[in-house]
Amino acid sequence: VNHAKAGDFDAAEKAYAALDEAVHALFEEGNPVGVKCALSVMGRIGDTMRLPLVAGSEKLRAKFEELIARYDLR
């Protein structure tokens, strides 16, 4: 936000890139599955769900592991 306020939109877009990719991943398999999967990868909650929800796929879990590590989102 500070970059955009200062008129540096290139820097603002670059700073948002990590968030944009993570936000899209949060909704790949519906809400709240993505959020719960990300929190599980971060170790903040367990990996179990109550029906009718199901845990995120292994593909989504791997994506969050990579995104969280790459962008240091802990």
C-alpha atoms as a PDB file:
ATOM      1  CA  VAL A   1       0.000   0.000   0.000  1.00  0.00           C
ATOM      2  CA  ASN A   2       2.829   2.373   0.825  1.00  0.00           C
ATOM      3  CA  HIS A   3       4.420   1.818  -2.599  1.00  0.00           C
ATOM      4  CA  ALA A   4       1.102   2.571  -4.316  1.00  0.00           C
ATOM      5  CA  LYS A   5       0.538   5.677  -2.181  1.00  0.00           C
ATOM      6  CA  ALA A   6       3.976   6.884  -3.235  1.00  0.00           C
ATOM      7  CA  GLY A   7       3.084   6.267  -6.892  1.00  0.00           C
ATOM      8  CA  ASP A   8       5.579   3.410  -7.310  1.00  0.00           C
ATOM      9  CA  PHE A   9       3.149   0.976  -8.903  1.00  0.00           C
ATOM     10  CA  ASP A  10       5.846  -1.345 -10.235  1.00  0.00           C
ATOM     11  CA  ALA A  11       7.160  -1.931  -6.697  1.00  0.00           C
ATOM     12  CA  ALA A  12       3.601  -2.297  -5.394  1.00  0.00           C
ATOM     13  CA  GLU A  13       2.809  -4.938  -7.996  1.00  0.00           C
ATOM     14  CA  LYS A  14       6.013  -6.825  -7.201  1.00  0.00           C
ATOM     15  CA  ALA A  15       5.298  -6.741  -3.451  1.00  0.00           C
ATOM     16  CA  TYR A  16       1.776  -8.044  -4.053  1.00  0.00           C
ATOM     17  CA  ALA A  17       2.925 -10.930  -6.272  1.00  0.00           C
ATOM     18  CA  ALA A  18       3.494 -13.274  -3.315  1.00  0.00           C
ATOM     19  CA  LEU A  19       0.091 -12.498  -1.871  1.00  0.00           C
ATOM     20  CA  ASP A  20      -1.681 -12.812  -5.206  1.00  0.00           C
ATOM     21  CA  GLU A  21      -0.360 -16.316  -5.830  1.00  0.00           C
ATOM     22  CA  ALA A  22      -1.168 -17.393  -2.263  1.00  0.00           C
ATOM     23  CA  VAL A  23      -4.682 -15.902  -2.387  1.00  0.00           C
ATOM     24  CA  HIS A  24      -5.462 -17.754  -5.608  1.00  0.00           C
ATOM     25  CA  ALA A  25      -4.208 -20.991  -4.033  1.00  0.00           C
ATOM     26  CA  LEU A  26      -6.500 -20.450  -1.029  1.00  0.00           C
ATOM     27  CA  PHE A  27      -9.569 -20.747  -3.243  1.00  0.00           C
ATOM     28  CA  GLU A  28      -8.439 -23.451  -5.694  1.00  0.00           C
ATOM     29  CA  GLU A  29     -10.423 -26.162  -3.917  1.00  0.00           C
ATOM     30  CA  GLY A  30     -13.087 -23.971  -2.375  1.00  0.00           C
ATOM     31  CA  ASN A  31     -13.489 -22.161   0.883  1.00  0.00           C
ATOM     32  CA  PRO A  32     -12.517 -23.040   3.655  1.00  0.00           C
ATOM     33  CA  VAL A  33     -10.529 -26.054   2.392  1.00  0.00           C
ATOM     34  CA  GLY A  34      -7.632 -23.913   1.118  1.00  0.00           C
ATOM     35  CA  VAL A  35      -7.397 -21.824   4.272  1.00  0.00           C
ATOM     36  CA  LYS A  36      -7.440 -24.913   6.484  1.00  0.00           C
ATOM     37  CA  CYS A  37      -4.868 -26.642   4.276  1.00  0.00           C
ATOM     38  CA  ALA A  38      -2.521 -23.634   4.476  1.00  0.00           C
ATOM     39  CA  LEU A  39      -2.929 -23.411   8.258  1.00  0.00           C
ATOM     40  CA  SER A  40      -2.216 -27.128   8.533  1.00  0.00           C
ATOM     41  CA  VAL A  41       0.976 -26.794   6.472  1.00  0.00           C
ATOM     42  CA  MET A  42       2.003 -23.953   8.779  1.00  0.00           C
ATOM     43  CA  GLY A  43       1.431 -26.217  11.787  1.00  0.00           C
ATOM     44  CA  ARG A  44      -1.287 -24.017  13.269  1.00  0.00           C
ATOM     45  CA  ILE A  45      -4.097 -26.592  13.049  1.00  0.00           C
ATOM     46  CA  GLY A  46      -4.418 -30.328  12.480  1.00  0.00           C
ATOM     47  CA  ASP A  47      -5.125 -31.940   9.135  1.00  0.00           C
ATOM     48  CA  THR A  48      -8.558 -33.352   9.957  1.00  0.00           C
ATOM     49  CA  MET A  49     -11.912 -32.013   8.832  1.00  0.00           C
ATOM     50  CA  ARG A  50     -15.486 -32.628   9.828  1.00  0.00           C
ATOM     51  CA  LEU A  51     -17.793 -33.781   7.075  1.00  0.00           C
ATOM     52  CA  PRO A  52     -18.939 -32.541   4.630  1.00  0.00           C
ATOM     53  CA  LEU A  53     -15.510 -30.874   4.298  1.00  0.00           C
ATOM     54  CA  VAL A  54     -12.512 -32.861   3.197  1.00  0.00           C
ATOM     55  CA  ALA A  55      -8.815 -32.103   3.549  1.00  0.00           C
ATOM     56  CA  GLY A  56      -7.023 -30.337   0.711  1.00  0.00           C
ATOM     57  CA  SER A  57      -5.484 -32.515  -1.982  1.00  0.00           C
ATOM     58  CA  GLU A  58      -1.824 -33.531  -1.910  1.00  0.00           C
ATOM     59  CA  LYS A  59      -1.290 -31.209  -4.880  1.00  0.00           C
ATOM     60  CA  LEU A  60      -2.705 -28.242  -2.940  1.00  0.00           C
ATOM     61  CA  ARG A  61      -0.709 -29.182   0.163  1.00  0.00           C
ATOM     62  CA  ALA A  62       2.506 -29.302  -1.902  1.00  0.00           C
ATOM     63  CA  LYS A  63       1.656 -25.916  -3.435  1.00  0.00           C
ATOM     64  CA  PHE A  64       1.244 -24.356   0.009  1.00  0.00           C
ATOM     65  CA  GLU A  65       4.470 -25.918   1.250  1.00  0.00           C
ATOM     66  CA  GLU A  66       6.284 -24.345  -1.697  1.00  0.00           C
ATOM     67  CA  LEU A  67       4.559 -20.932  -1.446  1.00  0.00           C
ATOM     68  CA  ILE A  68       5.011 -20.646   2.309  1.00  0.00           C
ATOM     69  CA  ALA A  69       8.705 -21.500   2.001  1.00  0.00           C
ATOM     70  CA  ARG A  70       9.368 -19.312  -1.057  1.00  0.00           C
ATOM     71  CA  TYR A  71       7.678 -16.200   0.279  1.00  0.00           C
ATOM     72  CA  ASP A  72       8.374 -16.824   3.987  1.00  0.00           C
ATOM     73  CA  LEU A  73       4.666 -16.564   4.807  1.00  0.00           C
ATOM     74  CA  ARG A  74       4.906 -18.018   8.298  1.00  0.00           C
END
